[in-house]
Amino acid sequence: LTGHLVLSTLHTNSTAGAVTRLLDMGIEPFLLASA
């Protein structure tokens, strides 16, 4: 959100699963959707 391109990995089974995984980690939905 502060102007960097970030590349990373997650252990989830699908693309949509990555979204719910980050939400489960406590990331606010509006931050997730923006980043």
PDB file of all heavy atoms in Angstrom:
ATOM      1  N   LEU A   1       0.809  -1.220   0.000  1.00  0.00           N
ATOM      2  CA  LEU A   1       0.000   0.000   0.000  1.00  0.00           C
ATOM      3  C   LEU A   1       0.840   1.266   0.000  1.00  0.00           C
ATOM      4  O   LEU A   1       0.324   2.350  -0.279  1.00  0.00           O
ATOM      5  CB  LEU A   1      -0.921   0.001   1.228  1.00  0.00           C
ATOM      6  CG  LEU A   1      -2.047  -1.045   1.216  1.00  0.00           C
ATOM      7  CD1 LEU A   1      -2.775  -1.052   2.557  1.00  0.00           C
ATOM      8  CD2 LEU A   1      -3.014  -0.784   0.069  1.00  0.00           C
ATOM      9  N   THR A   2       2.137   1.137   0.312  1.00  0.00           N
ATOM     10  CA  THR A   2       3.011   2.312   0.336  1.00  0.00           C
ATOM     11  C   THR A   2       3.904   2.393  -0.900  1.00  0.00           C
ATOM     12  O   THR A   2       4.963   3.020  -0.869  1.00  0.00           O
ATOM     13  CB  THR A   2       3.877   2.336   1.607  1.00  0.00           C
ATOM     14  OG1 THR A   2       4.564   1.080   1.739  1.00  0.00           O
ATOM     15  CG2 THR A   2       3.020   2.562   2.831  1.00  0.00           C
ATOM     16  N   GLY A   3       3.482   1.721  -1.979  1.00  0.00           N
ATOM     17  CA  GLY A   3       4.146   1.942  -3.257  1.00  0.00           C
ATOM     18  C   GLY A   3       5.138   0.898  -3.688  1.00  0.00           C
ATOM     19  O   GLY A   3       5.959   1.163  -4.576  1.00  0.00           O
ATOM     20  N   HIS A   4       5.120  -0.302  -3.092  1.00  0.00           N
ATOM     21  CA  HIS A   4       6.036  -1.361  -3.486  1.00  0.00           C
ATOM     22  C   HIS A   4       5.276  -2.490  -4.177  1.00  0.00           C
ATOM     23  O   HIS A   4       4.115  -2.749  -3.863  1.00  0.00           O
ATOM     24  CB  HIS A   4       6.768  -1.934  -2.271  1.00  0.00           C
ATOM     25  CG  HIS A   4       7.480  -0.905  -1.448  1.00  0.00           C
ATOM     26  ND1 HIS A   4       6.925  -0.342  -0.319  1.00  0.00           N
ATOM     27  CD2 HIS A   4       8.694  -0.320  -1.610  1.00  0.00           C
ATOM     28  CE1 HIS A   4       7.784   0.545   0.196  1.00  0.00           C
ATOM     29  NE2 HIS A   4       8.855   0.572  -0.571  1.00  0.00           N
ATOM     30  N   LEU A   5       5.958  -3.163  -5.103  1.00  0.00           N
ATOM     31  CA  LEU A   5       5.425  -4.401  -5.663  1.00  0.00           C
ATOM     32  C   LEU A   5       5.938  -5.542  -4.798  1.00  0.00           C
ATOM     33  O   LEU A   5       7.147  -5.699  -4.618  1.00  0.00           O
ATOM     34  CB  LEU A   5       5.876  -4.591  -7.107  1.00  0.00           C
ATOM     35  CG  LEU A   5       5.475  -5.922  -7.765  1.00  0.00           C
ATOM     36  CD1 LEU A   5       3.962  -6.063  -7.842  1.00  0.00           C
ATOM     37  CD2 LEU A   5       6.094  -6.051  -9.160  1.00  0.00           C
ATOM     38  N   VAL A   6       5.024  -6.335  -4.242  1.00  0.00           N
ATOM     39  CA  VAL A   6       5.388  -7.439  -3.360  1.00  0.00           C
ATOM     40  C   VAL A   6       4.972  -8.755  -4.011  1.00  0.00           C
ATOM     41  O   VAL A   6       3.819  -8.914  -4.423  1.00  0.00           O
ATOM     42  CB  VAL A   6       4.709  -7.301  -1.979  1.00  0.00           C
ATOM     43  CG1 VAL A   6       5.091  -8.467  -1.069  1.00  0.00           C
ATOM     44  CG2 VAL A   6       5.090  -5.970  -1.330  1.00  0.00           C
ATOM     45  N   LEU A   7       5.901  -9.676  -4.101  1.00  0.00           N
ATOM     46  CA  LEU A   7       5.629 -11.017  -4.610  1.00  0.00           C
ATOM     47  C   LEU A   7       5.809 -12.004  -3.469  1.00  0.00           C
ATOM     48  O   LEU A   7       6.794 -11.927  -2.727  1.00  0.00           O
ATOM     49  CB  LEU A   7       6.594 -11.382  -5.744  1.00  0.00           C
ATOM     50  CG  LEU A   7       6.704 -10.411  -6.920  1.00  0.00           C
ATOM     51  CD1 LEU A   7       7.817 -10.846  -7.864  1.00  0.00           C
ATOM     52  CD2 LEU A   7       5.388 -10.313  -7.667  1.00  0.00           C
ATOM     53  N   SER A   8       4.869 -12.939  -3.321  1.00  0.00           N
ATOM     54  CA  SER A   8       5.004 -13.903  -2.223  1.00  0.00           C
ATOM     55  C   SER A   8       4.190 -15.153  -2.516  1.00  0.00           C
ATOM     56  O   SER A   8       3.520 -15.253  -3.546  1.00  0.00           O
ATOM     57  CB  SER A   8       4.564 -13.282  -0.894  1.00  0.00           C
ATOM     58  OG  SER A   8       4.950 -14.117   0.192  1.00  0.00           O
ATOM     59  N   THR A   9       4.271 -16.115  -1.582  1.00  0.00           N
ATOM     60  CA  THR A   9       3.538 -17.374  -1.722  1.00  0.00           C
ATOM     61  C   THR A   9       2.701 -17.639  -0.481  1.00  0.00           C
ATOM     62  O   THR A   9       2.978 -17.129   0.606  1.00  0.00           O
ATOM     63  CB  THR A   9       4.492 -18.571  -1.931  1.00  0.00           C
ATOM     64  OG1 THR A   9       5.196 -18.846  -0.707  1.00  0.00           O
ATOM     65  CG2 THR A   9       5.475 -18.308  -3.051  1.00  0.00           C
ATOM     66  N   LEU A  10       1.664 -18.450  -0.681  1.00  0.00           N
ATOM     67  CA  LEU A  10       0.803 -18.922   0.400  1.00  0.00           C
ATOM     68  C   LEU A  10       0.508 -20.395   0.179  1.00  0.00           C
ATOM     69  O   LEU A  10       0.494 -20.860  -0.965  1.00  0.00           O
ATOM     70  CB  LEU A  10      -0.533 -18.169   0.406  1.00  0.00           C
ATOM     71  CG  LEU A  10      -0.671 -16.862   1.187  1.00  0.00           C
ATOM     72  CD1 LEU A  10      -2.058 -16.292   0.945  1.00  0.00           C
ATOM     73  CD2 LEU A  10      -0.442 -17.059   2.674  1.00  0.00           C
ATOM     74  N   HIS A  11       0.255 -21.120   1.259  1.00  0.00           N
ATOM     75  CA  HIS A  11      -0.157 -22.517   1.137  1.00  0.00           C
ATOM     76  C   HIS A  11      -1.676 -22.590   1.151  1.00  0.00           C
ATOM     77  O   HIS A  11      -2.297 -22.753   2.199  1.00  0.00           O
ATOM     78  CB  HIS A  11       0.429 -23.357   2.273  1.00  0.00           C
ATOM     79  CG  HIS A  11       1.877 -23.658   2.109  1.00  0.00           C
ATOM     80  ND1 HIS A  11       2.344 -24.627   1.250  1.00  0.00           N
ATOM     81  CD2 HIS A  11       2.976 -23.109   2.667  1.00  0.00           C
ATOM     82  CE1 HIS A  11       3.659 -24.674   1.296  1.00  0.00           C
ATOM     83  NE2 HIS A  11       4.073 -23.753   2.153  1.00  0.00           N
ATOM     84  N   THR A  12      -2.293 -22.435  -0.012  1.00  0.00           N
ATOM     85  CA  THR A  12      -3.729 -22.641  -0.156  1.00  0.00           C
ATOM     86  C   THR A  12      -3.957 -23.463  -1.414  1.00  0.00           C
ATOM     87  O   THR A  12      -3.082 -23.561  -2.274  1.00  0.00           O
ATOM     88  CB  THR A  12      -4.504 -21.310  -0.257  1.00  0.00           C
ATOM     89  OG1 THR A  12      -4.107 -20.615  -1.446  1.00  0.00           O
ATOM     90  CG2 THR A  12      -4.245 -20.432   0.951  1.00  0.00           C
ATOM     91  N   ASN A  13      -5.148 -24.044  -1.527  1.00  0.00           N
ATOM     92  CA  ASN A  13      -5.424 -24.944  -2.645  1.00  0.00           C
ATOM     93  C   ASN A  13      -5.906 -24.249  -3.904  1.00  0.00           C
ATOM     94  O   ASN A  13      -5.870 -24.828  -4.988  1.00  0.00           O
ATOM     95  CB  ASN A  13      -6.459 -25.994  -2.225  1.00  0.00           C
ATOM     96  CG  ASN A  13      -5.900 -26.974  -1.215  1.00  0.00           C
ATOM     97  OD1 ASN A  13      -4.724 -27.329  -1.265  1.00  0.00           O
ATOM     98  ND2 ASN A  13      -6.732 -27.402  -0.284  1.00  0.00           N
ATOM     99  N   SER A  14      -6.392 -23.017  -3.761  1.00  0.00           N
ATOM    100  CA  SER A  14      -6.955 -22.324  -4.918  1.00  0.00           C
ATOM    101  C   SER A  14      -6.673 -20.837  -4.816  1.00  0.00           C
ATOM    102  O   SER A  14      -6.226 -20.335  -3.780  1.00  0.00           O
ATOM    103  CB  SER A  14      -8.470 -22.553  -4.989  1.00  0.00           C
ATOM    104  OG  SER A  14      -9.116 -21.937  -3.875  1.00  0.00           O
ATOM    105  N   THR A  15      -6.961 -20.117  -5.914  1.00  0.00           N
ATOM    106  CA  THR A  15      -6.761 -18.670  -5.909  1.00  0.00           C
ATOM    107  C   THR A  15      -7.707 -17.991  -4.918  1.00  0.00           C
ATOM    108  O   THR A  15      -7.293 -17.145  -4.125  1.00  0.00           O
ATOM    109  CB  THR A  15      -6.985 -18.108  -7.316  1.00  0.00           C
ATOM    110  OG1 THR A  15      -8.222 -18.625  -7.851  1.00  0.00           O
ATOM    111  CG2 THR A  15      -5.856 -18.488  -8.259  1.00  0.00           C
ATOM    112  N   ALA A  16      -8.979 -18.381  -4.946  1.00  0.00           N
ATOM    113  CA  ALA A  16      -9.945 -17.782  -4.020  1.00  0.00           C
ATOM    114  C   ALA A  16      -9.606 -18.127  -2.573  1.00  0.00           C
ATOM    115  O   ALA A  16      -9.865 -17.339  -1.652  1.00  0.00           O
ATOM    116  CB  ALA A  16     -11.359 -18.250  -4.363  1.00  0.00           C
ATOM    117  N   GLY A  17      -8.999 -19.299  -2.358  1.00  0.00           N
ATOM    118  CA  GLY A  17      -8.601 -19.698  -1.012  1.00  0.00           C
ATOM    119  C   GLY A  17      -7.566 -18.776  -0.407  1.00  0.00           C
ATOM    120  O   GLY A  17      -7.477 -18.639   0.821  1.00  0.00           O
ATOM    121  N   ALA A  18      -6.746 -18.129  -1.257  1.00  0.00           N
ATOM    122  CA  ALA A  18      -5.745 -17.187  -0.751  1.00  0.00           C
ATOM    123  C   ALA A  18      -6.417 -15.980  -0.109  1.00  0.00           C
ATOM    124  O   ALA A  18      -5.926 -15.432   0.886  1.00  0.00           O
ATOM    125  CB  ALA A  18      -4.830 -16.738  -1.889  1.00  0.00           C
ATOM    126  N   VAL A  19      -7.539 -15.570  -0.675  1.00  0.00           N
ATOM    127  CA  VAL A  19      -8.275 -14.431  -0.118  1.00  0.00           C
ATOM    128  C   VAL A  19      -8.780 -14.761   1.283  1.00  0.00           C
ATOM    129  O   VAL A  19      -8.569 -13.998   2.237  1.00  0.00           O
ATOM    130  CB  VAL A  19      -9.454 -14.051  -1.045  1.00  0.00           C
ATOM    131  CG1 VAL A  19     -10.327 -12.983  -0.382  1.00  0.00           C
ATOM    132  CG2 VAL A  19      -8.931 -13.562  -2.394  1.00  0.00           C
ATOM    133  N   THR A  20      -9.442 -15.901   1.432  1.00  0.00           N
ATOM    134  CA  THR A  20      -9.974 -16.264   2.746  1.00  0.00           C
ATOM    135  C   THR A  20      -8.860 -16.548   3.748  1.00  0.00           C
ATOM    136  O   THR A  20      -9.012 -16.287   4.943  1.00  0.00           O
ATOM    137  CB  THR A  20     -10.908 -17.479   2.638  1.00  0.00           C
ATOM    138  OG1 THR A  20     -10.216 -18.560   1.998  1.00  0.00           O
ATOM    139  CG2 THR A  20     -12.140 -17.142   1.812  1.00  0.00           C
ATOM    140  N   ARG A  21      -7.721 -17.054   3.266  1.00  0.00           N
ATOM    141  CA  ARG A  21      -6.585 -17.313   4.167  1.00  0.00           C
ATOM    142  C   ARG A  21      -6.075 -16.007   4.770  1.00  0.00           C
ATOM    143  O   ARG A  21      -5.795 -15.930   5.973  1.00  0.00           O
ATOM    144  CB  ARG A  21      -5.472 -18.011   3.395  1.00  0.00           C
ATOM    145  CG  ARG A  21      -4.183 -18.224   4.186  1.00  0.00           C
ATOM    146  CD  ARG A  21      -4.283 -19.408   5.103  1.00  0.00           C
ATOM    147  NE  ARG A  21      -3.026 -19.659   5.766  1.00  0.00           N
ATOM    148  CZ  ARG A  21      -2.820 -19.551   7.075  1.00  0.00           C
ATOM    149  NH1 ARG A  21      -3.811 -19.185   7.866  1.00  0.00           N
ATOM    150  NH2 ARG A  21      -1.658 -19.805   7.608  1.00  0.00           N
ATOM    151  N   LEU A  22      -5.936 -14.976   3.957  1.00  0.00           N
ATOM    152  CA  LEU A  22      -5.462 -13.686   4.461  1.00  0.00           C
ATOM    153  C   LEU A  22      -6.487 -13.056   5.406  1.00  0.00           C
ATOM    154  O   LEU A  22      -6.117 -12.431   6.404  1.00  0.00           O
ATOM    155  CB  LEU A  22      -5.151 -12.750   3.302  1.00  0.00           C
ATOM    156  CG  LEU A  22      -3.898 -13.105   2.493  1.00  0.00           C
ATOM    157  CD1 LEU A  22      -3.794 -12.231   1.250  1.00  0.00           C
ATOM    158  CD2 LEU A  22      -2.629 -12.966   3.336  1.00  0.00           C
ATOM    159  N   LEU A  23      -7.760 -13.224   5.098  1.00  0.00           N
ATOM    160  CA  LEU A  23      -8.791 -12.729   6.011  1.00  0.00           C
ATOM    161  C   LEU A  23      -8.712 -13.445   7.350  1.00  0.00           C
ATOM    162  O   LEU A  23      -8.863 -12.827   8.416  1.00  0.00           O
ATOM    163  CB  LEU A  23     -10.175 -12.910   5.388  1.00  0.00           C
ATOM    164  CG  LEU A  23     -10.494 -12.037   4.162  1.00  0.00           C
ATOM    165  CD1 LEU A  23     -11.828 -12.444   3.550  1.00  0.00           C
ATOM    166  CD2 LEU A  23     -10.513 -10.549   4.545  1.00  0.00           C
ATOM    167  N   ASP A  24      -8.458 -14.761   7.305  1.00  0.00           N
ATOM    168  CA  ASP A  24      -8.310 -15.536   8.547  1.00  0.00           C
ATOM    169  C   ASP A  24      -7.100 -15.081   9.354  1.00  0.00           C
ATOM    170  O   ASP A  24      -7.063 -15.256  10.581  1.00  0.00           O
ATOM    171  CB  ASP A  24      -8.179 -17.028   8.232  1.00  0.00           C
ATOM    172  CG  ASP A  24      -9.475 -17.641   7.722  1.00  0.00           C
ATOM    173  OD1 ASP A  24     -10.539 -17.018   7.920  1.00  0.00           O
ATOM    174  OD2 ASP A  24      -9.417 -18.723   7.110  1.00  0.00           O
ATOM    175  N   MET A  25      -6.090 -14.523   8.682  1.00  0.00           N
ATOM    176  CA  MET A  25      -4.904 -14.018   9.378  1.00  0.00           C
ATOM    177  C   MET A  25      -5.155 -12.655  10.027  1.00  0.00           C
ATOM    178  O   MET A  25      -4.260 -12.101  10.671  1.00  0.00           O
ATOM    179  CB  MET A  25      -3.729 -13.893   8.396  1.00  0.00           C
ATOM    180  CG  MET A  25      -3.098 -15.210   8.005  1.00  0.00           C
ATOM    181  SD  MET A  25      -1.659 -14.929   6.922  1.00  0.00           S
ATOM    182  CE  MET A  25      -1.012 -16.606   6.781  1.00  0.00           C
ATOM    183  N   GLY A  26      -6.347 -12.120   9.828  1.00  0.00           N
ATOM    184  CA  GLY A  26      -6.679 -10.853  10.458  1.00  0.00           C
ATOM    185  C   GLY A  26      -6.516  -9.632   9.577  1.00  0.00           C
ATOM    186  O   GLY A  26      -6.620  -8.498  10.066  1.00  0.00           O
ATOM    187  N   ILE A  27      -6.252  -9.826   8.290  1.00  0.00           N
ATOM    188  CA  ILE A  27      -6.148  -8.692   7.380  1.00  0.00           C
ATOM    189  C   ILE A  27      -7.547  -8.125   7.142  1.00  0.00           C
ATOM    190  O   ILE A  27      -8.478  -8.860   6.804  1.00  0.00           O
ATOM    191  CB  ILE A  27      -5.517  -9.104   6.031  1.00  0.00           C
ATOM    192  CG1 ILE A  27      -4.140  -9.750   6.253  1.00  0.00           C
ATOM    193  CG2 ILE A  27      -5.404  -7.898   5.104  1.00  0.00           C
ATOM    194  CD1 ILE A  27      -3.122  -8.865   6.904  1.00  0.00           C
ATOM    195  N   GLU A  28      -7.695  -6.819   7.311  1.00  0.00           N
ATOM    196  CA  GLU A  28      -8.999  -6.192   7.095  1.00  0.00           C
ATOM    197  C   GLU A  28      -9.393  -6.285   5.622  1.00  0.00           C
ATOM    198  O   GLU A  28      -8.551  -6.096   4.743  1.00  0.00           O
ATOM    199  CB  GLU A  28      -8.958  -4.717   7.520  1.00  0.00           C
ATOM    200  CG  GLU A  28      -8.775  -4.491   9.003  1.00  0.00           C
ATOM    201  CD  GLU A  28      -9.987  -4.949   9.795  1.00  0.00           C
ATOM    202  OE1 GLU A  28     -11.094  -5.034   9.209  1.00  0.00           O
ATOM    203  OE2 GLU A  28      -9.840  -5.215  11.002  1.00  0.00           O
ATOM    204  N   PRO A  29     -10.663  -6.577   5.342  1.00  0.00           N
ATOM    205  CA  PRO A  29     -11.098  -6.733   3.946  1.00  0.00           C
ATOM    206  C   PRO A  29     -10.756  -5.536   3.054  1.00  0.00           C
ATOM    207  O   PRO A  29     -10.355  -5.716   1.899  1.00  0.00           O
ATOM    208  CB  PRO A  29     -12.612  -6.923   4.075  1.00  0.00           C
ATOM    209  CG  PRO A  29     -12.808  -7.498   5.434  1.00  0.00           C
ATOM    210  CD  PRO A  29     -11.751  -6.869   6.286  1.00  0.00           C
ATOM    211  N   PHE A  30     -10.888  -4.304   3.581  1.00  0.00           N
ATOM    212  CA  PHE A  30     -10.627  -3.143   2.739  1.00  0.00           C
ATOM    213  C   PHE A  30      -9.138  -3.020   2.405  1.00  0.00           C
ATOM    214  O   PHE A  30      -8.770  -2.565   1.320  1.00  0.00           O
ATOM    215  CB  PHE A  30     -11.157  -1.864   3.402  1.00  0.00           C
ATOM    216  CG  PHE A  30     -10.378  -1.381   4.593  1.00  0.00           C
ATOM    217  CD1 PHE A  30      -9.353  -0.458   4.461  1.00  0.00           C
ATOM    218  CD2 PHE A  30     -10.669  -1.869   5.865  1.00  0.00           C
ATOM    219  CE1 PHE A  30      -8.637  -0.018   5.564  1.00  0.00           C
ATOM    220  CE2 PHE A  30      -9.958  -1.437   6.971  1.00  0.00           C
ATOM    221  CZ  PHE A  30      -8.936  -0.514   6.823  1.00  0.00           C
ATOM    222  N   LEU A  31      -8.270  -3.433   3.340  1.00  0.00           N
ATOM    223  CA  LEU A  31      -6.832  -3.435   3.057  1.00  0.00           C
ATOM    224  C   LEU A  31      -6.482  -4.516   2.045  1.00  0.00           C
ATOM    225  O   LEU A  31      -5.689  -4.290   1.120  1.00  0.00           O
ATOM    226  CB  LEU A  31      -6.039  -3.657   4.348  1.00  0.00           C
ATOM    227  CG  LEU A  31      -6.091  -2.552   5.403  1.00  0.00           C
ATOM    228  CD1 LEU A  31      -5.325  -2.984   6.648  1.00  0.00           C
ATOM    229  CD2 LEU A  31      -5.517  -1.254   4.844  1.00  0.00           C
ATOM    230  N   LEU A  32      -7.071  -5.688   2.212  1.00  0.00           N
ATOM    231  CA  LEU A  32      -6.827  -6.804   1.298  1.00  0.00           C
ATOM    232  C   LEU A  32      -7.268  -6.434  -0.113  1.00  0.00           C
ATOM    233  O   LEU A  32      -6.528  -6.642  -1.090  1.00  0.00           O
ATOM    234  CB  LEU A  32      -7.585  -8.037   1.793  1.00  0.00           C
ATOM    235  CG  LEU A  32      -7.508  -9.310   0.953  1.00  0.00           C
ATOM    236  CD1 LEU A  32      -6.083  -9.764   0.806  1.00  0.00           C
ATOM    237  CD2 LEU A  32      -8.350 -10.401   1.589  1.00  0.00           C
ATOM    238  N   ALA A  33      -8.468  -5.883  -0.237  1.00  0.00           N
ATOM    239  CA  ALA A  33      -8.998  -5.522  -1.555  1.00  0.00           C
ATOM    240  C   ALA A  33      -8.151  -4.447  -2.226  1.00  0.00           C
ATOM    241  O   ALA A  33      -7.998  -4.437  -3.453  1.00  0.00           O
ATOM    242  CB  ALA A  33     -10.446  -5.050  -1.416  1.00  0.00           C
ATOM    243  N   SER A  34      -7.563  -3.563  -1.430  1.00  0.00           N
ATOM    244  CA  SER A  34      -6.745  -2.477  -1.988  1.00  0.00           C
ATOM    245  C   SER A  34      -5.347  -2.935  -2.377  1.00  0.00           C
ATOM    246  O   SER A  34      -4.761  -2.405  -3.322  1.00  0.00           O
ATOM    247  CB  SER A  34      -6.632  -1.336  -0.964  1.00  0.00           C
ATOM    248  OG  SER A  34      -7.897  -0.814  -0.641  1.00  0.00           O
ATOM    249  N   ALA A  35      -4.812  -3.924  -1.639  1.00  0.00           N
ATOM    250  CA  ALA A  35      -3.403  -4.285  -1.819  1.00  0.00           C
ATOM    251  C   ALA A  35      -3.172  -5.414  -2.817  1.00  0.00           C
ATOM    252  O   ALA A  35      -2.174  -5.396  -3.555  1.00  0.00           O
ATOM    253  CB  ALA A  35      -2.794  -4.665  -0.473  1.00  0.00           C
TER     254      ALA A  35
END
